[in-house]
Amino acid sequence: MKKKLTTVAFQGTPEQEKQLLAVIAKHKGEKGSMMPIMQEAQDIYGYLPIEVQTIIARETGVSLEEIYGIATFYSQFKLNPDGKYAISVCLGTACYVKGSGDVLDEISKQLNVPIGSTSPDGKFSVEATRCLGACGLAPVMTINGEVYGSLKKEDVKTILAKYR
C-alpha cells in the first residue's frame, strides 16, 4: 500500500532537531547507518516528515530521494503523525477473508481520511496493519489500543461516533 503525505503541519522543536543532529553525528560514517538514523529520527519525532528527511539528507550527504525511498519502502516508517485517535485495521488473512477490507474502506470513507494518512486537523489517522494477534475475533481493529472485534462494515458508524 502506497504511503501518502498529509497536510498536517510539522511541529518539530529545536530540542528535537538537536537530538537528531546528535544521532546523525553518532552514526556518521558507519556502514549501513541510514536505517538506525531513520529509526532514531522516528523515535524522536514520532514519524518522518519531509522536513526531517531533508535534515538527514543535508547532514549525511545522501539524496533526499534515496531517504524518501527508504521511508516509503519499509513499513516500519511513518510519513504522517498518528492522529489523536490512531485507527489500525488488520488485513491479515483471517481478518481479510472475514471482511476487514470493507471495514477499512468504510472507516476511510466516513472520516474522509485516505488509508495511510492523518486527517488535516490531526484528529484521526487510519492505517492498514498485518496480524494483530486476535484472529479469533476477526475482523479486528484498534483505536488507540482498544480492540474492536467481529466487525462488520455497518459497525463503523457507531464505533466512530464515540471518538468524534
N, C-alpha and C. Protein backbone atom coordinates (compact mmCIF):
# COMPACT_ATOMS: atom_id res chain seq x y z
N MET A 1 0.84 -1.17 0.00
CA MET A 1 0.00 0.00 0.00
C MET A 1 0.89 1.24 0.00
N LYS A 2 0.65 2.15 -0.91
CA LYS A 2 1.44 3.36 -1.06
C LYS A 2 1.21 4.29 0.13
N LYS A 3 2.28 4.81 0.69
CA LYS A 3 2.16 5.75 1.79
C LYS A 3 1.87 7.13 1.22
N LYS A 4 1.05 7.89 1.91
CA LYS A 4 0.67 9.22 1.45
C LYS A 4 1.07 10.26 2.48
N LEU A 5 1.47 11.41 1.99
CA LEU A 5 1.75 12.53 2.87
C LEU A 5 0.46 13.29 3.09
N THR A 6 0.28 13.85 4.27
CA THR A 6 -0.90 14.66 4.54
C THR A 6 -0.47 16.10 4.76
N THR A 7 -1.46 16.93 5.04
CA THR A 7 -1.18 18.34 5.20
C THR A 7 -1.08 18.76 6.67
N VAL A 8 -0.86 17.81 7.56
CA VAL A 8 -0.67 18.14 8.98
C VAL A 8 0.63 18.92 9.09
N ALA A 9 0.56 20.09 9.72
CA ALA A 9 1.73 20.96 9.82
C ALA A 9 2.81 20.33 10.70
N PHE A 10 4.05 20.41 10.24
CA PHE A 10 5.19 19.92 11.01
C PHE A 10 5.40 20.82 12.21
N GLN A 11 5.62 20.20 13.38
CA GLN A 11 5.78 20.98 14.60
C GLN A 11 7.00 20.55 15.40
N GLY A 12 8.11 20.35 14.68
CA GLY A 12 9.34 19.97 15.36
C GLY A 12 9.88 21.11 16.21
N THR A 13 10.60 20.73 17.26
CA THR A 13 11.16 21.73 18.17
C THR A 13 12.68 21.81 17.98
N PRO A 14 13.29 22.90 18.42
CA PRO A 14 14.76 22.99 18.37
C PRO A 14 15.43 21.86 19.16
N GLU A 15 14.81 21.43 20.27
CA GLU A 15 15.37 20.34 21.06
C GLU A 15 15.38 19.04 20.26
N GLN A 16 14.30 18.79 19.51
CA GLN A 16 14.24 17.59 18.68
C GLN A 16 15.31 17.63 17.59
N GLU A 17 15.48 18.79 16.98
CA GLU A 17 16.50 18.91 15.93
C GLU A 17 17.89 18.68 16.52
N LYS A 18 18.13 19.18 17.71
CA LYS A 18 19.42 18.96 18.36
C LYS A 18 19.64 17.47 18.60
N GLN A 19 18.60 16.75 19.04
CA GLN A 19 18.69 15.30 19.25
C GLN A 19 18.99 14.60 17.92
N LEU A 20 18.30 15.02 16.86
CA LEU A 20 18.50 14.41 15.55
C LEU A 20 19.93 14.62 15.08
N LEU A 21 20.45 15.81 15.22
CA LEU A 21 21.82 16.09 14.78
C LEU A 21 22.82 15.24 15.57
N ALA A 22 22.53 15.01 16.86
CA ALA A 22 23.41 14.16 17.67
C ALA A 22 23.35 12.71 17.18
N VAL A 23 22.19 12.24 16.80
CA VAL A 23 22.03 10.88 16.26
C VAL A 23 22.82 10.74 14.97
N ILE A 24 22.70 11.72 14.11
CA ILE A 24 23.41 11.67 12.83
C ILE A 24 24.92 11.67 13.06
N ALA A 25 25.37 12.53 13.97
CA ALA A 25 26.80 12.60 14.28
C ALA A 25 27.30 11.27 14.85
N LYS A 26 26.50 10.63 15.68
CA LYS A 26 26.87 9.35 16.29
C LYS A 26 27.06 8.27 15.23
N HIS A 27 26.23 8.28 14.20
CA HIS A 27 26.27 7.22 13.18
C HIS A 27 27.03 7.59 11.91
N LYS A 28 27.40 8.86 11.79
CA LYS A 28 28.02 9.32 10.54
C LYS A 28 29.26 8.50 10.21
N GLY A 29 29.32 8.06 8.98
CA GLY A 29 30.47 7.30 8.52
C GLY A 29 30.38 5.80 8.75
N GLU A 30 29.38 5.36 9.52
CA GLU A 30 29.20 3.92 9.75
C GLU A 30 28.56 3.30 8.52
N LYS A 31 29.01 2.13 8.16
CA LYS A 31 28.40 1.40 7.05
C LYS A 31 26.99 0.97 7.48
N GLY A 32 26.01 1.20 6.61
CA GLY A 32 24.62 0.82 6.91
C GLY A 32 23.96 1.70 7.96
N SER A 33 24.41 2.94 8.07
CA SER A 33 23.92 3.81 9.14
C SER A 33 22.55 4.43 8.87
N MET A 34 22.08 4.39 7.63
CA MET A 34 20.83 5.10 7.32
C MET A 34 19.64 4.53 8.09
N MET A 35 19.53 3.21 8.20
CA MET A 35 18.40 2.63 8.93
C MET A 35 18.40 3.05 10.40
N PRO A 36 19.52 2.92 11.12
CA PRO A 36 19.48 3.37 12.52
C PRO A 36 19.20 4.87 12.65
N ILE A 37 19.74 5.67 11.74
CA ILE A 37 19.47 7.11 11.80
C ILE A 37 17.98 7.38 11.63
N MET A 38 17.38 6.73 10.64
CA MET A 38 15.96 6.96 10.38
C MET A 38 15.09 6.39 11.50
N GLN A 39 15.47 5.26 12.05
CA GLN A 39 14.71 4.69 13.17
C GLN A 39 14.76 5.62 14.39
N GLU A 40 15.95 6.11 14.69
CA GLU A 40 16.08 7.01 15.84
C GLU A 40 15.39 8.34 15.58
N ALA A 41 15.43 8.81 14.34
CA ALA A 41 14.73 10.04 13.99
C ALA A 41 13.22 9.87 14.22
N GLN A 42 12.71 8.72 13.82
CA GLN A 42 11.28 8.47 14.03
C GLN A 42 10.96 8.36 15.52
N ASP A 43 11.87 7.81 16.30
CA ASP A 43 11.67 7.77 17.75
C ASP A 43 11.58 9.18 18.32
N ILE A 44 12.37 10.09 17.79
CA ILE A 44 12.40 11.48 18.28
C ILE A 44 11.12 12.21 17.91
N TYR A 45 10.70 12.10 16.64
CA TYR A 45 9.58 12.89 16.13
C TYR A 45 8.25 12.14 16.10
N GLY A 46 8.31 10.81 16.17
CA GLY A 46 7.09 10.02 16.08
C GLY A 46 6.75 9.61 14.67
N TYR A 47 7.41 10.22 13.70
CA TYR A 47 7.23 9.93 12.28
C TYR A 47 8.37 10.59 11.52
N LEU A 48 8.40 10.44 10.19
CA LEU A 48 9.48 11.01 9.38
C LEU A 48 8.95 12.00 8.36
N PRO A 49 8.61 13.20 8.80
CA PRO A 49 8.13 14.21 7.85
C PRO A 49 9.24 14.62 6.89
N ILE A 50 8.86 15.24 5.80
CA ILE A 50 9.82 15.66 4.78
C ILE A 50 10.88 16.59 5.37
N GLU A 51 10.50 17.39 6.36
CA GLU A 51 11.46 18.30 7.00
C GLU A 51 12.59 17.52 7.68
N VAL A 52 12.25 16.43 8.33
CA VAL A 52 13.25 15.59 9.00
C VAL A 52 14.09 14.86 7.96
N GLN A 53 13.44 14.34 6.92
CA GLN A 53 14.18 13.68 5.86
C GLN A 53 15.18 14.64 5.21
N THR A 54 14.81 15.89 5.07
CA THR A 54 15.68 16.91 4.47
C THR A 54 16.91 17.14 5.35
N ILE A 55 16.72 17.20 6.66
CA ILE A 55 17.86 17.37 7.58
C ILE A 55 18.80 16.18 7.47
N ILE A 56 18.22 14.98 7.44
CA ILE A 56 19.04 13.77 7.33
C ILE A 56 19.84 13.80 6.02
N ALA A 57 19.19 14.18 4.94
CA ALA A 57 19.87 14.26 3.64
C ALA A 57 21.01 15.27 3.69
N ARG A 58 20.73 16.43 4.21
CA ARG A 58 21.74 17.50 4.28
C ARG A 58 22.94 17.07 5.10
N GLU A 59 22.69 16.45 6.24
CA GLU A 59 23.76 16.12 7.17
C GLU A 59 24.55 14.86 6.79
N THR A 60 23.92 13.96 6.04
CA THR A 60 24.60 12.71 5.67
C THR A 60 25.16 12.72 4.26
N GLY A 61 24.68 13.66 3.43
CA GLY A 61 25.11 13.69 2.04
C GLY A 61 24.38 12.66 1.17
N VAL A 62 23.39 11.99 1.73
CA VAL A 62 22.57 11.04 0.97
C VAL A 62 21.41 11.83 0.36
N SER A 63 21.05 11.53 -0.87
CA SER A 63 19.99 12.31 -1.53
C SER A 63 18.65 12.15 -0.82
N LEU A 64 17.87 13.21 -0.88
CA LEU A 64 16.53 13.19 -0.30
C LEU A 64 15.69 12.10 -0.97
N GLU A 65 15.88 11.89 -2.26
CA GLU A 65 15.14 10.86 -2.98
C GLU A 65 15.43 9.47 -2.41
N GLU A 66 16.70 9.22 -2.09
CA GLU A 66 17.06 7.92 -1.53
C GLU A 66 16.45 7.74 -0.14
N ILE A 67 16.49 8.78 0.67
CA ILE A 67 15.92 8.71 2.01
C ILE A 67 14.40 8.50 1.93
N TYR A 68 13.76 9.23 1.04
CA TYR A 68 12.31 9.07 0.85
C TYR A 68 12.00 7.65 0.36
N GLY A 69 12.84 7.12 -0.50
CA GLY A 69 12.67 5.76 -0.99
C GLY A 69 12.74 4.74 0.13
N ILE A 70 13.66 4.93 1.05
CA ILE A 70 13.77 4.03 2.21
C ILE A 70 12.53 4.17 3.09
N ALA A 71 12.12 5.41 3.34
CA ALA A 71 10.98 5.67 4.22
C ALA A 71 9.69 5.09 3.66
N THR A 72 9.54 5.07 2.34
CA THR A 72 8.32 4.54 1.75
C THR A 72 8.40 3.04 1.49
N PHE A 73 9.59 2.48 1.43
CA PHE A 73 9.74 1.05 1.18
C PHE A 73 9.47 0.22 2.43
N TYR A 74 10.01 0.65 3.56
CA TYR A 74 9.90 -0.13 4.79
C TYR A 74 8.65 0.27 5.57
N SER A 75 7.83 -0.72 5.91
CA SER A 75 6.56 -0.43 6.58
C SER A 75 6.74 0.12 8.00
N GLN A 76 7.91 -0.02 8.59
CA GLN A 76 8.14 0.49 9.94
C GLN A 76 8.18 2.01 9.99
N PHE A 77 8.40 2.65 8.85
CA PHE A 77 8.49 4.11 8.84
C PHE A 77 7.15 4.74 8.52
N LYS A 78 6.86 5.82 9.25
CA LYS A 78 5.61 6.55 9.05
C LYS A 78 5.92 7.94 8.51
N LEU A 79 5.19 8.34 7.48
CA LEU A 79 5.35 9.68 6.91
C LEU A 79 4.41 10.68 7.56
N ASN A 80 3.47 10.20 8.34
CA ASN A 80 2.47 11.06 8.96
C ASN A 80 2.44 10.80 10.46
N PRO A 81 2.13 11.84 11.23
CA PRO A 81 1.99 11.61 12.67
C PRO A 81 0.72 10.83 12.95
N ASP A 82 0.70 10.10 14.04
CA ASP A 82 -0.55 9.47 14.44
C ASP A 82 -1.53 10.56 14.82
N GLY A 83 -2.79 10.32 14.52
CA GLY A 83 -3.83 11.24 14.95
C GLY A 83 -4.08 11.08 16.44
N LYS A 84 -4.87 11.97 16.98
CA LYS A 84 -5.29 11.85 18.38
C LYS A 84 -5.91 10.47 18.58
N TYR A 85 -6.64 10.01 17.57
CA TYR A 85 -7.21 8.67 17.56
C TYR A 85 -6.58 7.89 16.43
N ALA A 86 -5.67 6.98 16.78
CA ALA A 86 -4.95 6.17 15.80
C ALA A 86 -5.74 4.88 15.56
N ILE A 87 -6.26 4.76 14.35
CA ILE A 87 -7.09 3.60 13.98
C ILE A 87 -6.25 2.66 13.12
N SER A 88 -6.20 1.40 13.54
CA SER A 88 -5.49 0.36 12.78
C SER A 88 -6.47 -0.77 12.50
N VAL A 89 -6.54 -1.15 11.23
CA VAL A 89 -7.42 -2.25 10.84
C VAL A 89 -6.54 -3.39 10.33
N CYS A 90 -6.75 -4.59 10.88
CA CYS A 90 -5.96 -5.74 10.49
C CYS A 90 -6.38 -6.23 9.11
N LEU A 91 -5.39 -6.42 8.26
CA LEU A 91 -5.62 -7.01 6.95
C LEU A 91 -4.92 -8.36 6.83
N GLY A 92 -4.62 -8.97 7.99
CA GLY A 92 -4.07 -10.32 7.99
C GLY A 92 -5.09 -11.28 7.39
N THR A 93 -4.68 -12.47 7.07
CA THR A 93 -5.52 -13.41 6.35
C THR A 93 -6.87 -13.65 7.01
N ALA A 94 -6.89 -13.99 8.30
CA ALA A 94 -8.16 -14.29 8.97
C ALA A 94 -9.11 -13.09 8.92
N CYS A 95 -8.58 -11.91 9.19
CA CYS A 95 -9.42 -10.70 9.16
C CYS A 95 -9.87 -10.37 7.75
N TYR A 96 -8.95 -10.48 6.82
CA TYR A 96 -9.27 -10.10 5.44
C TYR A 96 -10.38 -10.97 4.85
N VAL A 97 -10.29 -12.27 5.06
CA VAL A 97 -11.31 -13.15 4.49
C VAL A 97 -12.68 -12.95 5.15
N LYS A 98 -12.69 -12.33 6.33
CA LYS A 98 -13.96 -12.06 7.01
C LYS A 98 -14.43 -10.62 6.81
N GLY A 99 -13.75 -9.87 5.91
CA GLY A 99 -14.28 -8.56 5.53
C GLY A 99 -13.59 -7.34 6.07
N SER A 100 -12.38 -7.46 6.58
CA SER A 100 -11.71 -6.28 7.14
C SER A 100 -11.42 -5.21 6.09
N GLY A 101 -11.24 -5.62 4.83
CA GLY A 101 -11.03 -4.63 3.78
C GLY A 101 -12.22 -3.70 3.64
N ASP A 102 -13.42 -4.25 3.73
CA ASP A 102 -14.64 -3.43 3.66
C ASP A 102 -14.75 -2.50 4.86
N VAL A 103 -14.36 -3.01 6.04
CA VAL A 103 -14.38 -2.19 7.25
C VAL A 103 -13.40 -1.02 7.10
N LEU A 104 -12.21 -1.31 6.63
CA LEU A 104 -11.19 -0.27 6.44
C LEU A 104 -11.67 0.78 5.44
N ASP A 105 -12.23 0.34 4.33
CA ASP A 105 -12.75 1.29 3.33
C ASP A 105 -13.86 2.16 3.91
N GLU A 106 -14.71 1.57 4.73
CA GLU A 106 -15.81 2.33 5.34
C GLU A 106 -15.28 3.38 6.32
N ILE A 107 -14.27 3.03 7.09
CA ILE A 107 -13.66 4.00 8.02
C ILE A 107 -13.08 5.16 7.23
N SER A 108 -12.33 4.85 6.20
CA SER A 108 -11.72 5.88 5.36
C SER A 108 -12.78 6.80 4.77
N LYS A 109 -13.86 6.20 4.29
CA LYS A 109 -14.95 6.96 3.67
C LYS A 109 -15.65 7.86 4.70
N GLN A 110 -16.00 7.28 5.87
CA GLN A 110 -16.73 8.06 6.87
C GLN A 110 -15.91 9.20 7.44
N LEU A 111 -14.61 8.99 7.60
CA LEU A 111 -13.75 10.04 8.16
C LEU A 111 -13.18 10.96 7.08
N ASN A 112 -13.30 10.54 5.83
CA ASN A 112 -12.69 11.27 4.71
C ASN A 112 -11.18 11.40 4.91
N VAL A 113 -10.58 10.28 5.34
CA VAL A 113 -9.14 10.21 5.56
C VAL A 113 -8.62 9.04 4.73
N PRO A 114 -7.74 9.31 3.77
CA PRO A 114 -7.19 8.19 2.99
C PRO A 114 -6.43 7.22 3.88
N ILE A 115 -6.49 5.95 3.52
CA ILE A 115 -5.77 4.91 4.25
C ILE A 115 -4.28 5.24 4.23
N GLY A 116 -3.65 5.17 5.38
CA GLY A 116 -2.23 5.51 5.49
C GLY A 116 -1.99 6.99 5.74
N SER A 117 -3.06 7.71 6.08
CA SER A 117 -2.95 9.16 6.27
C SER A 117 -3.55 9.60 7.60
N THR A 118 -3.36 10.89 7.87
CA THR A 118 -3.91 11.52 9.06
C THR A 118 -4.79 12.67 8.62
N SER A 119 -5.90 12.86 9.30
CA SER A 119 -6.79 13.97 8.94
C SER A 119 -6.07 15.30 9.12
N PRO A 120 -6.39 16.31 8.30
CA PRO A 120 -5.71 17.61 8.40
C PRO A 120 -5.78 18.24 9.79
N ASP A 121 -6.84 17.94 10.54
CA ASP A 121 -6.95 18.50 11.89
C ASP A 121 -6.18 17.69 12.93
N GLY A 122 -5.55 16.57 12.47
CA GLY A 122 -4.76 15.75 13.38
C GLY A 122 -5.58 14.86 14.30
N LYS A 123 -6.88 14.78 14.09
CA LYS A 123 -7.73 14.02 15.00
C LYS A 123 -7.68 12.51 14.73
N PHE A 124 -7.68 12.10 13.47
CA PHE A 124 -7.72 10.68 13.13
C PHE A 124 -6.58 10.29 12.20
N SER A 125 -5.99 9.13 12.46
CA SER A 125 -5.10 8.50 11.49
C SER A 125 -5.66 7.11 11.21
N VAL A 126 -5.53 6.69 9.96
CA VAL A 126 -6.10 5.41 9.53
C VAL A 126 -5.00 4.60 8.88
N GLU A 127 -4.73 3.43 9.44
CA GLU A 127 -3.67 2.55 8.93
C GLU A 127 -4.19 1.14 8.72
N ALA A 128 -3.68 0.50 7.69
CA ALA A 128 -3.88 -0.93 7.50
C ALA A 128 -2.69 -1.62 8.13
N THR A 129 -2.94 -2.67 8.90
CA THR A 129 -1.85 -3.39 9.55
C THR A 129 -1.96 -4.88 9.21
N ARG A 130 -0.94 -5.59 9.57
CA ARG A 130 -0.97 -7.04 9.45
C ARG A 130 -1.44 -7.60 10.79
N CYS A 131 -1.37 -8.85 10.99
CA CYS A 131 -1.97 -9.56 12.12
C CYS A 131 -1.79 -8.82 13.45
N LEU A 132 -2.91 -8.63 14.13
CA LEU A 132 -2.89 -8.01 15.46
C LEU A 132 -2.93 -9.06 16.57
N GLY A 133 -2.95 -10.34 16.18
CA GLY A 133 -2.92 -11.42 17.16
C GLY A 133 -4.26 -11.70 17.81
N ALA A 134 -5.33 -11.30 17.16
CA ALA A 134 -6.67 -11.55 17.70
C ALA A 134 -7.53 -12.22 16.63
N CYS A 135 -6.97 -13.23 15.99
CA CYS A 135 -7.63 -13.88 14.85
C CYS A 135 -9.00 -14.45 15.21
N GLY A 136 -9.19 -14.88 16.43
CA GLY A 136 -10.47 -15.41 16.86
C GLY A 136 -11.57 -14.37 16.89
N LEU A 137 -11.19 -13.10 16.87
CA LEU A 137 -12.16 -12.00 16.86
C LEU A 137 -12.30 -11.37 15.48
N ALA A 138 -11.73 -11.98 14.47
CA ALA A 138 -11.67 -11.40 13.13
C ALA A 138 -13.07 -11.03 12.61
N PRO A 139 -13.13 -9.92 11.87
CA PRO A 139 -12.10 -8.91 11.64
C PRO A 139 -11.95 -7.95 12.81
N VAL A 140 -10.73 -7.46 12.98
CA VAL A 140 -10.36 -6.67 14.15
C VAL A 140 -9.78 -5.32 13.76
N MET A 141 -10.06 -4.32 14.61
CA MET A 141 -9.38 -3.03 14.50
C MET A 141 -9.07 -2.55 15.91
N THR A 142 -8.13 -1.63 16.00
CA THR A 142 -7.85 -0.98 17.27
C THR A 142 -7.96 0.53 17.09
N ILE A 143 -8.36 1.18 18.15
CA ILE A 143 -8.34 2.64 18.21
C ILE A 143 -7.60 2.98 19.49
N ASN A 144 -6.41 3.54 19.33
CA ASN A 144 -5.52 3.83 20.47
C ASN A 144 -5.37 2.61 21.37
N GLY A 145 -5.24 1.45 20.76
CA GLY A 145 -5.01 0.22 21.50
C GLY A 145 -6.26 -0.50 21.97
N GLU A 146 -7.42 0.15 21.92
CA GLU A 146 -8.67 -0.53 22.30
C GLU A 146 -9.10 -1.42 21.14
N VAL A 147 -9.34 -2.69 21.43
CA VAL A 147 -9.64 -3.68 20.39
C VAL A 147 -11.15 -3.76 20.14
N TYR A 148 -11.51 -3.76 18.86
CA TYR A 148 -12.88 -3.98 18.43
C TYR A 148 -12.85 -5.19 17.50
N GLY A 149 -13.65 -6.21 17.83
CA GLY A 149 -13.62 -7.43 17.04
C GLY A 149 -14.96 -7.83 16.48
N SER A 150 -14.94 -8.86 15.65
CA SER A 150 -16.13 -9.38 14.97
C SER A 150 -16.88 -8.26 14.25
N LEU A 151 -16.11 -7.43 13.57
CA LEU A 151 -16.67 -6.23 12.94
C LEU A 151 -17.37 -6.51 11.63
N LYS A 152 -18.32 -5.65 11.37
CA LYS A 152 -18.98 -5.57 10.07
C LYS A 152 -18.92 -4.12 9.63
N LYS A 153 -18.99 -3.92 8.36
CA LYS A 153 -18.98 -2.57 7.80
C LYS A 153 -20.00 -1.67 8.50
N GLU A 154 -21.14 -2.24 8.85
CA GLU A 154 -22.23 -1.49 9.48
C GLU A 154 -21.89 -1.03 10.90
N ASP A 155 -20.89 -1.63 11.53
CA ASP A 155 -20.50 -1.25 12.90
C ASP A 155 -19.68 0.03 12.96
N VAL A 156 -19.11 0.42 11.85
CA VAL A 156 -18.15 1.52 11.82
C VAL A 156 -18.75 2.83 12.33
N LYS A 157 -19.92 3.18 11.86
CA LYS A 157 -20.53 4.47 12.23
C LYS A 157 -20.71 4.59 13.74
N THR A 158 -21.21 3.53 14.37
CA THR A 158 -21.43 3.55 15.82
C THR A 158 -20.12 3.66 16.59
N ILE A 159 -19.13 2.92 16.16
CA ILE A 159 -17.83 2.96 16.84
C ILE A 159 -17.19 4.33 16.71
N LEU A 160 -17.18 4.88 15.51
CA LEU A 160 -16.54 6.18 15.29
C LEU A 160 -17.27 7.30 16.05
N ALA A 161 -18.57 7.15 16.27
CA ALA A 161 -19.34 8.18 16.97
C ALA A 161 -18.77 8.45 18.36
N LYS A 162 -18.17 7.43 18.99
CA LYS A 162 -17.58 7.61 20.33
C LYS A 162 -16.37 8.54 20.31
N TYR A 163 -15.75 8.71 19.15
CA TYR A 163 -14.49 9.47 19.05
C TYR A 163 -14.65 10.81 18.34
N ARG A 164 -15.80 11.07 17.81
CA ARG A 164 -15.96 12.32 17.02
C ARG A 164 -16.12 13.53 17.90
